[in-house]
């Protein structure tokens, strides 16, 4: 699968579920995206599994 896929994640700060868009043309990526509820920076890690589906790992920016 190549293209953009919508994924729901839980914010590691406030716990709210938010929707993010993942570019599935990149096998492994990491970037910062602000939570649309609490506005805190989430460190988003993404890898594509064997079937091309994104596996998303959200983390607090201060956990690094």
PDB file of N, CA and C in Angstrom:
ATOM      1  N   UNK A   1       0.847  -1.184   0.000  1.00  0.00           N
ATOM      2  CA  UNK A   1       0.000   0.000   0.000  1.00  0.00           C
ATOM      3  C   UNK A   1       0.889   1.242   0.000  1.00  0.00           C
ATOM      4  N   UNK A   2       0.665   2.114  -0.922  1.00  0.00           N
ATOM      5  CA  UNK A   2       1.306   3.426  -0.926  1.00  0.00           C
ATOM      6  C   UNK A   2       0.217   4.470  -0.907  1.00  0.00           C
ATOM      7  N   UNK A   3       0.515   5.589  -0.321  1.00  0.00           N
ATOM      8  CA  UNK A   3      -0.488   6.632  -0.214  1.00  0.00           C
ATOM      9  C   UNK A   3      -0.585   7.093   1.222  1.00  0.00           C
ATOM     10  N   UNK A   4      -1.716   7.675   1.551  1.00  0.00           N
ATOM     11  CA  UNK A   4      -1.926   8.215   2.891  1.00  0.00           C
ATOM     12  C   UNK A   4      -2.995   7.387   3.593  1.00  0.00           C
ATOM     13  N   UNK A   5      -2.726   7.045   4.849  1.00  0.00           N
ATOM     14  CA  UNK A   5      -3.691   6.281   5.635  1.00  0.00           C
ATOM     15  C   UNK A   5      -3.988   7.019   6.934  1.00  0.00           C
ATOM     16  N   UNK A   6      -5.234   7.013   7.332  1.00  0.00           N
ATOM     17  CA  UNK A   6      -5.675   7.636   8.572  1.00  0.00           C
ATOM     18  C   UNK A   6      -5.551   6.626   9.718  1.00  0.00           C
ATOM     19  N   UNK A   7      -4.948   7.060  10.835  1.00  0.00           N
ATOM     20  CA  UNK A   7      -4.761   6.188  11.995  1.00  0.00           C
ATOM     21  C   UNK A   7      -5.186   6.948  13.246  1.00  0.00           C
ATOM     22  N   UNK A   8      -5.939   6.280  14.119  1.00  0.00           N
ATOM     23  CA  UNK A   8      -6.297   6.864  15.413  1.00  0.00           C
ATOM     24  C   UNK A   8      -5.254   6.450  16.447  1.00  0.00           C
ATOM     25  N   UNK A   9      -4.778   7.425  17.226  1.00  0.00           N
ATOM     26  CA  UNK A   9      -3.813   7.149  18.291  1.00  0.00           C
ATOM     27  C   UNK A   9      -4.303   7.807  19.575  1.00  0.00           C
ATOM     28  N   UNK A  10      -3.788   7.354  20.691  1.00  0.00           N
ATOM     29  CA  UNK A  10      -4.065   7.992  21.968  1.00  0.00           C
ATOM     30  C   UNK A  10      -2.936   8.951  22.306  1.00  0.00           C
ATOM     31  N   UNK A  11      -3.280  10.171  22.673  1.00  0.00           N
ATOM     32  CA  UNK A  11      -2.264  11.148  23.065  1.00  0.00           C
ATOM     33  C   UNK A  11      -1.594  10.661  24.348  1.00  0.00           C
ATOM     34  N   UNK A  12      -0.261  10.603  24.387  1.00  0.00           N
ATOM     35  CA  UNK A  12       0.424  10.145  25.596  1.00  0.00           C
ATOM     36  C   UNK A  12       0.372  11.163  26.741  1.00  0.00           C
ATOM     37  N   UNK A  13      -0.111  12.361  26.486  1.00  0.00           N
ATOM     38  CA  UNK A  13      -0.246  13.382  27.526  1.00  0.00           C
ATOM     39  C   UNK A  13      -1.649  13.400  28.112  1.00  0.00           C
ATOM     40  N   UNK A  14      -2.664  13.654  27.263  1.00  0.00           N
ATOM     41  CA  UNK A  14      -4.034  13.843  27.768  1.00  0.00           C
ATOM     42  C   UNK A  14      -4.899  12.597  27.621  1.00  0.00           C
ATOM     43  N   UNK A  15      -4.449  11.600  26.838  1.00  0.00           N
ATOM     44  CA  UNK A  15      -5.195  10.363  26.676  1.00  0.00           C
ATOM     45  C   UNK A  15      -6.311  10.396  25.647  1.00  0.00           C
ATOM     46  N   UNK A  16      -6.568  11.563  25.061  1.00  0.00           N
ATOM     47  CA  UNK A  16      -7.626  11.665  24.047  1.00  0.00           C
ATOM     48  C   UNK A  16      -7.202  10.952  22.760  1.00  0.00           C
ATOM     49  N   UNK A  17      -8.178  10.399  22.058  1.00  0.00           N
ATOM     50  CA  UNK A  17      -7.926   9.767  20.766  1.00  0.00           C
ATOM     51  C   UNK A  17      -7.928  10.843  19.697  1.00  0.00           C
ATOM     52  N   UNK A  18      -6.856  10.858  18.891  1.00  0.00           N
ATOM     53  CA  UNK A  18      -6.767  11.813  17.788  1.00  0.00           C
ATOM     54  C   UNK A  18      -6.464  11.051  16.505  1.00  0.00           C
ATOM     55  N   UNK A  19      -6.814  11.660  15.390  1.00  0.00           N
ATOM     56  CA  UNK A  19      -6.574  11.063  14.082  1.00  0.00           C
ATOM     57  C   UNK A  19      -5.342  11.721  13.459  1.00  0.00           C
ATOM     58  N   UNK A  20      -4.416  10.890  12.971  1.00  0.00           N
ATOM     59  CA  UNK A  20      -3.257  11.413  12.250  1.00  0.00           C
ATOM     60  C   UNK A  20      -3.213  10.755  10.870  1.00  0.00           C
ATOM     61  N   UNK A  21      -2.555  11.410   9.938  1.00  0.00           N
ATOM     62  CA  UNK A  21      -2.398  10.872   8.592  1.00  0.00           C
ATOM     63  C   UNK A  21      -0.971  10.384   8.419  1.00  0.00           C
ATOM     64  N   UNK A  22      -0.826   9.181   7.904  1.00  0.00           N
ATOM     65  CA  UNK A  22       0.477   8.548   7.717  1.00  0.00           C
ATOM     66  C   UNK A  22       0.770   8.412   6.229  1.00  0.00           C
ATOM     67  N   UNK A  23       1.952   8.852   5.810  1.00  0.00           N
ATOM     68  CA  UNK A  23       2.423   8.680   4.432  1.00  0.00           C
ATOM     69  C   UNK A  23       2.999   7.272   4.313  1.00  0.00           C
ATOM     70  N   UNK A  24       2.273   6.378   3.686  1.00  0.00           N
ATOM     71  CA  UNK A  24       2.676   4.974   3.588  1.00  0.00           C
ATOM     72  C   UNK A  24       3.693   4.709   2.479  1.00  0.00           C
ATOM     73  N   UNK A  25       4.185   5.743   1.826  1.00  0.00           N
ATOM     74  CA  UNK A  25       5.232   5.551   0.825  1.00  0.00           C
ATOM     75  C   UNK A  25       6.618   5.551   1.475  1.00  0.00           C
ATOM     76  N   UNK A  26       6.681   5.852   2.781  1.00  0.00           N
ATOM     77  CA  UNK A  26       7.946   5.868   3.527  1.00  0.00           C
ATOM     78  C   UNK A  26       7.906   4.722   4.529  1.00  0.00           C
ATOM     79  N   UNK A  27       8.884   3.796   4.435  1.00  0.00           N
ATOM     80  CA  UNK A  27       8.873   2.586   5.258  1.00  0.00           C
ATOM     81  C   UNK A  27       9.056   2.860   6.753  1.00  0.00           C
ATOM     82  N   UNK A  28       9.941   3.784   7.100  1.00  0.00           N
ATOM     83  CA  UNK A  28      10.208   4.095   8.503  1.00  0.00           C
ATOM     84  C   UNK A  28      10.334   5.603   8.644  1.00  0.00           C
ATOM     85  N   UNK A  29       9.632   6.171   9.627  1.00  0.00           N
ATOM     86  CA  UNK A  29       9.674   7.622   9.799  1.00  0.00           C
ATOM     87  C   UNK A  29       9.460   7.996  11.256  1.00  0.00           C
ATOM     88  N   UNK A  30       9.911   9.192  11.593  1.00  0.00           N
ATOM     89  CA  UNK A  30       9.731   9.739  12.931  1.00  0.00           C
ATOM     90  C   UNK A  30       9.561  11.244  12.788  1.00  0.00           C
ATOM     91  N   UNK A  31       8.564  11.786  13.472  1.00  0.00           N
ATOM     92  CA  UNK A  31       8.327  13.221  13.399  1.00  0.00           C
ATOM     93  C   UNK A  31       7.522  13.669  14.608  1.00  0.00           C
ATOM     94  N   UNK A  32       7.412  14.967  14.806  1.00  0.00           N
ATOM     95  CA  UNK A  32       6.658  15.554  15.905  1.00  0.00           C
ATOM     96  C   UNK A  32       5.339  16.098  15.357  1.00  0.00           C
ATOM     97  N   UNK A  33       4.245  15.776  16.046  1.00  0.00           N
ATOM     98  CA  UNK A  33       2.935  16.321  15.694  1.00  0.00           C
ATOM     99  C   UNK A  33       2.243  16.742  16.982  1.00  0.00           C
ATOM    100  N   UNK A  34       1.668  17.936  16.991  1.00  0.00           N
ATOM    101  CA  UNK A  34       0.979  18.423  18.185  1.00  0.00           C
ATOM    102  C   UNK A  34      -0.382  17.760  18.326  1.00  0.00           C
ATOM    103  N   UNK A  35      -0.733  17.430  19.571  1.00  0.00           N
ATOM    104  CA  UNK A  35      -2.069  16.906  19.863  1.00  0.00           C
ATOM    105  C   UNK A  35      -3.080  18.008  19.568  1.00  0.00           C
ATOM    106  N   UNK A  36      -4.139  17.656  18.850  1.00  0.00           N
ATOM    107  CA  UNK A  36      -5.152  18.662  18.515  1.00  0.00           C
ATOM    108  C   UNK A  36      -6.053  18.984  19.702  1.00  0.00           C
ATOM    109  N   UNK A  37      -5.946  18.237  20.809  1.00  0.00           N
ATOM    110  CA  UNK A  37      -6.750  18.505  22.000  1.00  0.00           C
ATOM    111  C   UNK A  37      -5.958  19.342  23.010  1.00  0.00           C
ATOM    112  N   UNK A  38      -4.757  18.851  23.421  1.00  0.00           N
ATOM    113  CA  UNK A  38      -3.990  19.543  24.463  1.00  0.00           C
ATOM    114  C   UNK A  38      -2.813  20.348  23.916  1.00  0.00           C
ATOM    115  N   UNK A  39      -2.553  20.233  22.616  1.00  0.00           N
ATOM    116  CA  UNK A  39      -1.512  20.999  21.912  1.00  0.00           C
ATOM    117  C   UNK A  39      -0.083  20.657  22.335  1.00  0.00           C
ATOM    118  N   UNK A  40       0.128  19.549  23.023  1.00  0.00           N
ATOM    119  CA  UNK A  40       1.484  19.164  23.416  1.00  0.00           C
ATOM    120  C   UNK A  40       2.131  18.351  22.293  1.00  0.00           C
ATOM    121  N   UNK A  41       3.461  18.396  22.177  1.00  0.00           N
ATOM    122  CA  UNK A  41       4.159  17.718  21.075  1.00  0.00           C
ATOM    123  C   UNK A  41       4.284  16.208  21.288  1.00  0.00           C
ATOM    124  N   UNK A  42       3.786  15.449  20.318  1.00  0.00           N
ATOM    125  CA  UNK A  42       3.864  13.988  20.363  1.00  0.00           C
ATOM    126  C   UNK A  42       4.947  13.538  19.384  1.00  0.00           C
ATOM    127  N   UNK A  43       5.854  12.680  19.873  1.00  0.00           N
ATOM    128  CA  UNK A  43       6.886  12.086  19.016  1.00  0.00           C
ATOM    129  C   UNK A  43       6.249  10.863  18.357  1.00  0.00           C
ATOM    130  N   UNK A  44       6.012  10.949  17.053  1.00  0.00           N
ATOM    131  CA  UNK A  44       5.350   9.890  16.300  1.00  0.00           C
ATOM    132  C   UNK A  44       6.408   9.038  15.601  1.00  0.00           C
ATOM    133  N   UNK A  45       6.415   7.745  15.900  1.00  0.00           N
ATOM    134  CA  UNK A  45       7.283   6.797  15.205  1.00  0.00           C
ATOM    135  C   UNK A  45       6.408   5.877  14.371  1.00  0.00           C
ATOM    136  N   UNK A  46       6.800   5.631  13.129  1.00  0.00           N
ATOM    137  CA  UNK A  46       5.999   4.796  12.225  1.00  0.00           C
ATOM    138  C   UNK A  46       6.916   3.838  11.484  1.00  0.00           C
ATOM    139  N   UNK A  47       6.519   2.579  11.440  1.00  0.00           N
ATOM    140  CA  UNK A  47       7.138   1.593  10.552  1.00  0.00           C
ATOM    141  C   UNK A  47       6.003   0.877   9.829  1.00  0.00           C
ATOM    142  N   UNK A  48       6.275   0.417   8.643  1.00  0.00           N
ATOM    143  CA  UNK A  48       5.279  -0.355   7.895  1.00  0.00           C
ATOM    144  C   UNK A  48       5.524  -1.833   8.139  1.00  0.00           C
ATOM    145  N   UNK A  49       4.458  -2.588   8.441  1.00  0.00           N
ATOM    146  CA  UNK A  49       4.610  -4.027   8.652  1.00  0.00           C
ATOM    147  C   UNK A  49       4.727  -4.750   7.299  1.00  0.00           C
ATOM    148  N   UNK A  50       4.769  -6.073   7.345  1.00  0.00           N
ATOM    149  CA  UNK A  50       4.968  -6.874   6.130  1.00  0.00           C
ATOM    150  C   UNK A  50       3.896  -6.632   5.078  1.00  0.00           C
ATOM    151  N   UNK A  51       2.685  -6.297   5.517  1.00  0.00           N
ATOM    152  CA  UNK A  51       1.596  -6.071   4.573  1.00  0.00           C
ATOM    153  C   UNK A  51       1.517  -4.622   4.102  1.00  0.00           C
ATOM    154  N   UNK A  52       2.418  -3.762   4.628  1.00  0.00           N
ATOM    155  CA  UNK A  52       2.420  -2.361   4.222  1.00  0.00           C
ATOM    156  C   UNK A  52       1.552  -1.467   5.083  1.00  0.00           C
ATOM    157  N   UNK A  53       0.978  -2.034   6.156  1.00  0.00           N
ATOM    158  CA  UNK A  53       0.153  -1.243   7.067  1.00  0.00           C
ATOM    159  C   UNK A  53       1.030  -0.533   8.094  1.00  0.00           C
ATOM    160  N   UNK A  54       0.697   0.707   8.440  1.00  0.00           N
ATOM    161  CA  UNK A  54       1.525   1.448   9.397  1.00  0.00           C
ATOM    162  C   UNK A  54       1.329   0.965  10.829  1.00  0.00           C
ATOM    163  N   UNK A  55       2.449   0.830  11.542  1.00  0.00           N
ATOM    164  CA  UNK A  55       2.448   0.557  12.974  1.00  0.00           C
ATOM    165  C   UNK A  55       2.957   1.839  13.623  1.00  0.00           C
ATOM    166  N   UNK A  56       2.090   2.511  14.376  1.00  0.00           N
ATOM    167  CA  UNK A  56       2.390   3.835  14.919  1.00  0.00           C
ATOM    168  C   UNK A  56       2.691   3.722  16.417  1.00  0.00           C
ATOM    169  N   UNK A  57       3.790   4.373  16.828  1.00  0.00           N
ATOM    170  CA  UNK A  57       4.159   4.419  18.239  1.00  0.00           C
ATOM    171  C   UNK A  57       4.227   5.875  18.675  1.00  0.00           C
ATOM    172  N   UNK A  58       3.192   6.364  19.393  1.00  0.00           N
ATOM    173  CA  UNK A  58       3.240   7.732  19.910  1.00  0.00           C
ATOM    174  C   UNK A  58       3.959   7.749  21.253  1.00  0.00           C
ATOM    175  N   UNK A  59       4.765   8.787  21.479  1.00  0.00           N
ATOM    176  CA  UNK A  59       5.490   8.914  22.741  1.00  0.00           C
ATOM    177  C   UNK A  59       5.545  10.381  23.150  1.00  0.00           C
ATOM    178  N   UNK A  60       5.720  10.610  24.437  1.00  0.00           N
ATOM    179  CA  UNK A  60       5.911  11.966  24.937  1.00  0.00           C
ATOM    180  C   UNK A  60       7.262  12.462  24.457  1.00  0.00           C
ATOM    181  N   UNK A  61       7.324  13.702  24.053  1.00  0.00           N
ATOM    182  CA  UNK A  61       8.582  14.270  23.580  1.00  0.00           C
ATOM    183  C   UNK A  61       9.634  14.267  24.685  1.00  0.00           C
ATOM    184  N   UNK A  62       9.213  14.427  25.934  1.00  0.00           N
ATOM    185  CA  UNK A  62      10.173  14.464  27.036  1.00  0.00           C
ATOM    186  C   UNK A  62      10.623  13.079  27.507  1.00  0.00           C
ATOM    187  N   UNK A  63      10.146  12.006  26.853  1.00  0.00           N
ATOM    188  CA  UNK A  63      10.587  10.650  27.160  1.00  0.00           C
ATOM    189  C   UNK A  63      11.877  10.285  26.455  1.00  0.00           C
ATOM    190  N   UNK A  64      12.362  11.164  25.587  1.00  0.00           N
ATOM    191  CA  UNK A  64      13.563  10.866  24.796  1.00  0.00           C
ATOM    192  C   UNK A  64      14.820  10.963  25.626  1.00  0.00           C
TER     193      UNK A  64
END
